[in-house]
Amino acid sequence: MPRATVFTEKAPKPIGPYSQAVQVGNFLFVSGQIPIDPSTGQLVKGGIKEQTERVLENIKAILEAAGYSLNNVTWVFVALKDLSKFSEFNEVYSRYFRESPPARITVEVSNLPSGALVEISVIAVKD
């Protein structure tokens, strides 16, 4: 099965030895995204709501660069620095996944790169 890496300037450049996403057949595996503004390379200001929105916009840009959309997302992994912010996170998240939301796991972690409050990775599949 062919394998291709995905890169877009509309999402943050990888800060380590990984690709923004890798496509294998009809599957797209998007690396964990933190709330870095791709135009500045800096963590966005604000709390969990602002950071969640930036992360999901970064993921959306990567999906679109590969010819996918949020509707193709089937699985989501969420790492939150503070699980007490879960409802605020969900408030933003639910705006991006309105109908037939994907399967998801959410965990609390002790730390994230660059002091981020949230990191999200997704798997998308085309029919």
C-alpha atoms as a PDB file:
ATOM      1  CA  MET A   1       0.000   0.000   0.000  1.00  0.00           C
ATOM      2  CA  PRO A   2       1.497   3.377  -0.941  1.00  0.00           C
ATOM      3  CA  ARG A   3       2.584   5.728   1.848  1.00  0.00           C
ATOM      4  CA  ALA A   4       2.860   9.519   1.502  1.00  0.00           C
ATOM      5  CA  THR A   5       3.687  12.298   3.931  1.00  0.00           C
ATOM      6  CA  VAL A   6       1.565  15.446   4.116  1.00  0.00           C
ATOM      7  CA  PHE A   7       2.798  18.985   4.737  1.00  0.00           C
ATOM      8  CA  THR A   8       1.066  22.360   4.642  1.00  0.00           C
ATOM      9  CA  GLU A   9       2.266  25.829   5.583  1.00  0.00           C
ATOM     10  CA  LYS A  10      -1.231  26.402   7.021  1.00  0.00           C
ATOM     11  CA  ALA A  11      -0.325  24.277  10.046  1.00  0.00           C
ATOM     12  CA  PRO A  12       2.709  24.415  12.345  1.00  0.00           C
ATOM     13  CA  LYS A  13       5.943  22.929  11.061  1.00  0.00           C
ATOM     14  CA  PRO A  14       6.907  19.761  12.929  1.00  0.00           C
ATOM     15  CA  ILE A  15       9.207  20.498  15.875  1.00  0.00           C
ATOM     16  CA  GLY A  16      10.794  17.060  15.764  1.00  0.00           C
ATOM     17  CA  PRO A  17      11.381  14.046  13.545  1.00  0.00           C
ATOM     18  CA  TYR A  18       7.773  13.460  12.481  1.00  0.00           C
ATOM     19  CA  SER A  19       5.390  14.421   9.666  1.00  0.00           C
ATOM     20  CA  GLN A  20       2.277  16.533  10.042  1.00  0.00           C
ATOM     21  CA  ALA A  21       0.412  13.529   8.662  1.00  0.00           C
ATOM     22  CA  VAL A  22       0.972  10.269   6.819  1.00  0.00           C
ATOM     23  CA  GLN A  23      -1.463   8.844   4.293  1.00  0.00           C
ATOM     24  CA  VAL A  24      -1.614   5.092   3.792  1.00  0.00           C
ATOM     25  CA  GLY A  25      -4.243   3.991   1.307  1.00  0.00           C
ATOM     26  CA  ASN A  26      -7.517   5.655   2.314  1.00  0.00           C
ATOM     27  CA  PHE A  27      -6.281   6.348   5.858  1.00  0.00           C
ATOM     28  CA  LEU A  28      -4.752   9.606   7.067  1.00  0.00           C
ATOM     29  CA  PHE A  29      -2.884   9.617  10.380  1.00  0.00           C
ATOM     30  CA  VAL A  30      -2.470  13.167  11.703  1.00  0.00           C
ATOM     31  CA  SER A  31       0.273  13.728  14.274  1.00  0.00           C
ATOM     32  CA  GLY A  32      -0.543  15.337  17.590  1.00  0.00           C
ATOM     33  CA  GLN A  33      -1.125  19.050  17.148  1.00  0.00           C
ATOM     34  CA  ILE A  34      -0.626  21.657  19.831  1.00  0.00           C
ATOM     35  CA  PRO A  35      -1.975  25.237  19.667  1.00  0.00           C
ATOM     36  CA  ILE A  36       0.834  26.790  17.661  1.00  0.00           C
ATOM     37  CA  ASP A  37      -0.162  29.606  15.312  1.00  0.00           C
ATOM     38  CA  PRO A  38       1.447  28.623  11.986  1.00  0.00           C
ATOM     39  CA  SER A  39       1.902  32.274  10.991  1.00  0.00           C
ATOM     40  CA  THR A  40       3.974  33.120  14.091  1.00  0.00           C
ATOM     41  CA  GLY A  41       5.285  29.769  15.256  1.00  0.00           C
ATOM     42  CA  GLN A  42       4.157  30.707  18.769  1.00  0.00           C
ATOM     43  CA  LEU A  43       1.686  29.204  21.205  1.00  0.00           C
ATOM     44  CA  VAL A  44      -1.626  31.086  20.984  1.00  0.00           C
ATOM     45  CA  LYS A  45      -2.587  33.252  23.909  1.00  0.00           C
ATOM     46  CA  GLY A  46      -5.636  32.445  25.973  1.00  0.00           C
ATOM     47  CA  GLY A  47      -7.072  29.465  27.758  1.00  0.00           C
ATOM     48  CA  ILE A  48      -8.373  26.049  26.817  1.00  0.00           C
ATOM     49  CA  LYS A  49     -11.053  27.401  24.459  1.00  0.00           C
ATOM     50  CA  GLU A  50      -8.631  29.454  22.368  1.00  0.00           C
ATOM     51  CA  GLN A  51      -6.064  26.660  22.349  1.00  0.00           C
ATOM     52  CA  THR A  52      -8.617  24.022  21.353  1.00  0.00           C
ATOM     53  CA  GLU A  53      -9.824  26.166  18.470  1.00  0.00           C
ATOM     54  CA  ARG A  54      -6.253  26.684  17.193  1.00  0.00           C
ATOM     55  CA  VAL A  55      -5.482  22.963  17.405  1.00  0.00           C
ATOM     56  CA  LEU A  56      -8.636  22.037  15.501  1.00  0.00           C
ATOM     57  CA  GLU A  57      -7.938  24.684  12.848  1.00  0.00           C
ATOM     58  CA  ASN A  58      -4.425  23.232  12.443  1.00  0.00           C
ATOM     59  CA  ILE A  59      -5.869  19.736  12.072  1.00  0.00           C
ATOM     60  CA  LYS A  60      -8.462  20.995   9.593  1.00  0.00           C
ATOM     61  CA  ALA A  61      -5.678  22.570   7.483  1.00  0.00           C
ATOM     62  CA  ILE A  62      -3.695  19.323   7.441  1.00  0.00           C
ATOM     63  CA  LEU A  63      -6.775  17.298   6.517  1.00  0.00           C
ATOM     64  CA  GLU A  64      -7.621  19.693   3.682  1.00  0.00           C
ATOM     65  CA  ALA A  65      -4.037  19.624   2.366  1.00  0.00           C
ATOM     66  CA  ALA A  66      -4.447  15.857   1.956  1.00  0.00           C
ATOM     67  CA  GLY A  67      -7.905  16.099   0.387  1.00  0.00           C
ATOM     68  CA  TYR A  68      -9.831  15.149   3.536  1.00  0.00           C
ATOM     69  CA  SER A  69     -12.234  17.043   5.785  1.00  0.00           C
ATOM     70  CA  LEU A  70     -13.362  16.895   9.388  1.00  0.00           C
ATOM     71  CA  ASN A  71     -16.221  14.675   8.180  1.00  0.00           C
ATOM     72  CA  ASN A  72     -13.623  11.990   7.347  1.00  0.00           C
ATOM     73  CA  VAL A  73     -12.294  11.872  10.921  1.00  0.00           C
ATOM     74  CA  THR A  74     -13.128   8.553  12.563  1.00  0.00           C
ATOM     75  CA  TRP A  75     -10.936   8.566  15.678  1.00  0.00           C
ATOM     76  CA  VAL A  76      -9.603  11.344  17.924  1.00  0.00           C
ATOM     77  CA  PHE A  77      -7.017  11.234  20.715  1.00  0.00           C
ATOM     78  CA  VAL A  78      -7.111  14.202  23.103  1.00  0.00           C
ATOM     79  CA  ALA A  79      -4.531  14.995  25.778  1.00  0.00           C
ATOM     80  CA  LEU A  80      -5.608  17.684  28.246  1.00  0.00           C
ATOM     81  CA  LYS A  81      -3.276  19.186  30.814  1.00  0.00           C
ATOM     82  CA  ASP A  82      -6.219  19.742  33.171  1.00  0.00           C
ATOM     83  CA  LEU A  83      -9.272  17.495  32.960  1.00  0.00           C
ATOM     84  CA  SER A  84     -11.291  20.049  34.937  1.00  0.00           C
ATOM     85  CA  LYS A  85     -11.338  22.048  31.651  1.00  0.00           C
ATOM     86  CA  PHE A  86     -13.134  19.167  29.892  1.00  0.00           C
ATOM     87  CA  SER A  87     -16.486  20.940  29.528  1.00  0.00           C
ATOM     88  CA  GLU A  88     -14.831  24.101  28.123  1.00  0.00           C
ATOM     89  CA  PHE A  89     -12.862  21.912  25.711  1.00  0.00           C
ATOM     90  CA  ASN A  90     -16.051  20.089  24.658  1.00  0.00           C
ATOM     91  CA  GLU A  91     -17.833  23.389  24.041  1.00  0.00           C
ATOM     92  CA  VAL A  92     -15.326  24.237  21.274  1.00  0.00           C
ATOM     93  CA  TYR A  93     -14.811  20.651  20.069  1.00  0.00           C
ATOM     94  CA  SER A  94     -18.535  20.135  19.506  1.00  0.00           C
ATOM     95  CA  ARG A  95     -18.617  23.059  17.038  1.00  0.00           C
ATOM     96  CA  TYR A  96     -16.193  21.156  14.786  1.00  0.00           C
ATOM     97  CA  PHE A  97     -17.845  17.730  15.051  1.00  0.00           C
ATOM     98  CA  ARG A  98     -21.593  18.395  14.982  1.00  0.00           C
ATOM     99  CA  GLU A  99     -23.045  15.359  13.207  1.00  0.00           C
ATOM    100  CA  SER A 100     -21.840  11.792  13.626  1.00  0.00           C
ATOM    101  CA  PRO A 101     -18.888  12.719  15.850  1.00  0.00           C
ATOM    102  CA  PRO A 102     -15.871  10.408  15.676  1.00  0.00           C
ATOM    103  CA  ALA A 103     -14.821   7.934  18.337  1.00  0.00           C
ATOM    104  CA  ARG A 104     -12.618   9.653  20.917  1.00  0.00           C
ATOM    105  CA  ILE A 105     -10.371   9.113  23.892  1.00  0.00           C
ATOM    106  CA  THR A 106      -9.525  11.945  26.283  1.00  0.00           C
ATOM    107  CA  VAL A 107      -6.832  11.703  28.930  1.00  0.00           C
ATOM    108  CA  GLU A 108      -5.213  14.064  31.400  1.00  0.00           C
ATOM    109  CA  VAL A 109      -1.451  14.391  31.089  1.00  0.00           C
ATOM    110  CA  SER A 110       1.131  15.992  33.372  1.00  0.00           C
ATOM    111  CA  ASN A 111       2.705  18.139  30.666  1.00  0.00           C
ATOM    112  CA  LEU A 112       2.607  18.965  26.955  1.00  0.00           C
ATOM    113  CA  PRO A 113       5.170  20.531  24.589  1.00  0.00           C
ATOM    114  CA  SER A 114       5.631  24.312  24.803  1.00  0.00           C
ATOM    115  CA  GLY A 115       3.323  24.535  27.829  1.00  0.00           C
ATOM    116  CA  ALA A 116       0.225  23.742  25.752  1.00  0.00           C
ATOM    117  CA  LEU A 117      -3.039  22.937  27.499  1.00  0.00           C
ATOM    118  CA  VAL A 118      -4.244  20.526  24.797  1.00  0.00           C
ATOM    119  CA  GLU A 119      -2.879  18.216  22.105  1.00  0.00           C
ATOM    120  CA  ILE A 120      -5.048  16.379  19.581  1.00  0.00           C
ATOM    121  CA  SER A 121      -4.295  13.649  17.046  1.00  0.00           C
ATOM    122  CA  VAL A 122      -6.776  12.174  14.571  1.00  0.00           C
ATOM    123  CA  ILE A 123      -7.242   9.353  12.105  1.00  0.00           C
ATOM    124  CA  ALA A 124      -9.345  10.037   9.029  1.00  0.00           C
ATOM    125  CA  VAL A 125     -10.663   7.629   6.407  1.00  0.00           C
ATOM    126  CA  LYS A 126     -12.023   8.257   2.921  1.00  0.00           C
ATOM    127  CA  ASP A 127     -14.788   6.022   1.587  1.00  0.00           C
END
